[in-house]
Amino acid sequence: MSPSRRAAPAPNTIMTPKELAQYLRIHLSTVYRLVAGGKIPYFRVGGGYRFTEEEITKWMANRRVPPHDAK
């Protein structure tokens, strides 16, 4: 299945940094930069980072920019 046709993760899905990058359509290095800056919710498993779909959805909702009033 191509990345553009990949379904959104199911609720409570746990994603790796690579899966999160694909889900958000951002570069993997951007995921690591967000983690390093403490700007994205994550947890550690062993030496790796993991992300829950539920927390990422909340994080995205809090980052939405209101529509610009066109006058």
C-alpha atoms as a PDB file:
ATOM      1  CA  MET A   1       0.000   0.000   0.000  1.00  0.00           C
ATOM      2  CA  SER A   2       1.447   3.378  -0.942  1.00  0.00           C
ATOM      3  CA  PRO A   3       2.062   5.968   1.830  1.00  0.00           C
ATOM      4  CA  SER A   4      -0.591   8.291   0.392  1.00  0.00           C
ATOM      5  CA  ARG A   5      -3.215   5.536   0.662  1.00  0.00           C
ATOM      6  CA  ARG A   6      -2.188   4.354   4.118  1.00  0.00           C
ATOM      7  CA  ALA A   7      -5.085   4.354   6.565  1.00  0.00           C
ATOM      8  CA  ALA A   8      -4.912   6.427   9.730  1.00  0.00           C
ATOM      9  CA  PRO A   9      -3.892   4.412  12.762  1.00  0.00           C
ATOM     10  CA  ALA A  10      -6.647   2.852  14.834  1.00  0.00           C
ATOM     11  CA  PRO A  11      -7.419   4.426  18.231  1.00  0.00           C
ATOM     12  CA  ASN A  12      -4.871   3.506  20.893  1.00  0.00           C
ATOM     13  CA  THR A  13      -2.378   2.537  18.206  1.00  0.00           C
ATOM     14  CA  ILE A  14       1.246   2.874  19.215  1.00  0.00           C
ATOM     15  CA  MET A  15       3.542   4.229  16.520  1.00  0.00           C
ATOM     16  CA  THR A  16       7.297   4.263  16.069  1.00  0.00           C
ATOM     17  CA  PRO A  17       9.032   7.492  14.974  1.00  0.00           C
ATOM     18  CA  LYS A  18       9.072   6.231  11.370  1.00  0.00           C
ATOM     19  CA  GLU A  19       5.345   5.412  11.458  1.00  0.00           C
ATOM     20  CA  LEU A  20       4.568   8.800  13.004  1.00  0.00           C
ATOM     21  CA  ALA A  21       6.570  10.569  10.301  1.00  0.00           C
ATOM     22  CA  GLN A  22       4.553   8.738   7.646  1.00  0.00           C
ATOM     23  CA  TYR A  23       1.279   9.478   9.439  1.00  0.00           C
ATOM     24  CA  LEU A  24       2.041  13.206   9.735  1.00  0.00           C
ATOM     25  CA  ARG A  25       3.757  13.293   6.333  1.00  0.00           C
ATOM     26  CA  ILE A  26       6.863  14.902   7.768  1.00  0.00           C
ATOM     27  CA  HIS A  27      10.520  13.950   7.635  1.00  0.00           C
ATOM     28  CA  LEU A  28      11.791  11.528  10.261  1.00  0.00           C
ATOM     29  CA  SER A  29      14.336  14.101  11.445  1.00  0.00           C
ATOM     30  CA  THR A  30      11.440  16.477  12.176  1.00  0.00           C
ATOM     31  CA  VAL A  31       9.918  13.874  14.506  1.00  0.00           C
ATOM     32  CA  TYR A  32      13.207  13.626  16.403  1.00  0.00           C
ATOM     33  CA  ARG A  33      13.515  17.420  16.537  1.00  0.00           C
ATOM     34  CA  LEU A  34       9.999  17.685  18.030  1.00  0.00           C
ATOM     35  CA  VAL A  35      10.888  15.019  20.600  1.00  0.00           C
ATOM     36  CA  ALA A  36      14.184  16.724  21.513  1.00  0.00           C
ATOM     37  CA  GLY A  37      12.378  20.036  21.983  1.00  0.00           C
ATOM     38  CA  GLY A  38       9.668  18.451  24.129  1.00  0.00           C
ATOM     39  CA  LYS A  39       7.049  19.671  21.668  1.00  0.00           C
ATOM     40  CA  ILE A  40       5.292  16.381  20.977  1.00  0.00           C
ATOM     41  CA  PRO A  41       3.884  13.783  23.393  1.00  0.00           C
ATOM     42  CA  TYR A  42       5.872  10.554  23.518  1.00  0.00           C
ATOM     43  CA  PHE A  43       7.000   7.798  25.833  1.00  0.00           C
ATOM     44  CA  ARG A  44      10.083   5.613  25.917  1.00  0.00           C
ATOM     45  CA  VAL A  45      10.277   1.886  25.426  1.00  0.00           C
ATOM     46  CA  GLY A  46      13.799   0.679  26.001  1.00  0.00           C
ATOM     47  CA  GLY A  47      15.935   3.079  23.999  1.00  0.00           C
ATOM     48  CA  GLY A  48      13.221   4.043  21.540  1.00  0.00           C
ATOM     49  CA  TYR A  49      10.410   6.550  21.339  1.00  0.00           C
ATOM     50  CA  ARG A  50       6.759   5.651  20.924  1.00  0.00           C
ATOM     51  CA  PHE A  51       3.663   7.747  20.253  1.00  0.00           C
ATOM     52  CA  THR A  52      -0.013   6.973  20.823  1.00  0.00           C
ATOM     53  CA  GLU A  53      -2.548   7.933  18.181  1.00  0.00           C
ATOM     54  CA  GLU A  54      -4.817   9.399  20.860  1.00  0.00           C
ATOM     55  CA  GLU A  55      -2.150  11.766  22.231  1.00  0.00           C
ATOM     56  CA  ILE A  56      -1.000  12.784  18.738  1.00  0.00           C
ATOM     57  CA  THR A  57      -4.613  13.582  17.776  1.00  0.00           C
ATOM     58  CA  LYS A  58      -4.963  15.805  20.862  1.00  0.00           C
ATOM     59  CA  TRP A  59      -1.611  17.440  20.122  1.00  0.00           C
ATOM     60  CA  MET A  60      -2.688  18.216  16.548  1.00  0.00           C
ATOM     61  CA  ALA A  61      -6.026  19.641  17.721  1.00  0.00           C
ATOM     62  CA  ASN A  62      -4.209  22.017  20.069  1.00  0.00           C
ATOM     63  CA  ARG A  63      -1.983  23.254  17.236  1.00  0.00           C
ATOM     64  CA  ARG A  64      -4.780  24.178  14.826  1.00  0.00           C
ATOM     65  CA  VAL A  65      -4.778  27.709  13.525  1.00  0.00           C
ATOM     66  CA  PRO A  66      -8.200  29.372  13.353  1.00  0.00           C
ATOM     67  CA  PRO A  67      -9.400  30.324   9.861  1.00  0.00           C
ATOM     68  CA  HIS A  68      -8.403  33.784   8.711  1.00  0.00           C
ATOM     69  CA  ASP A  69     -11.305  36.235   8.371  1.00  0.00           C
ATOM     70  CA  ALA A  70     -11.422  37.247   4.744  1.00  0.00           C
ATOM     71  CA  LYS A  71     -12.709  40.813   4.459  1.00  0.00           C
END
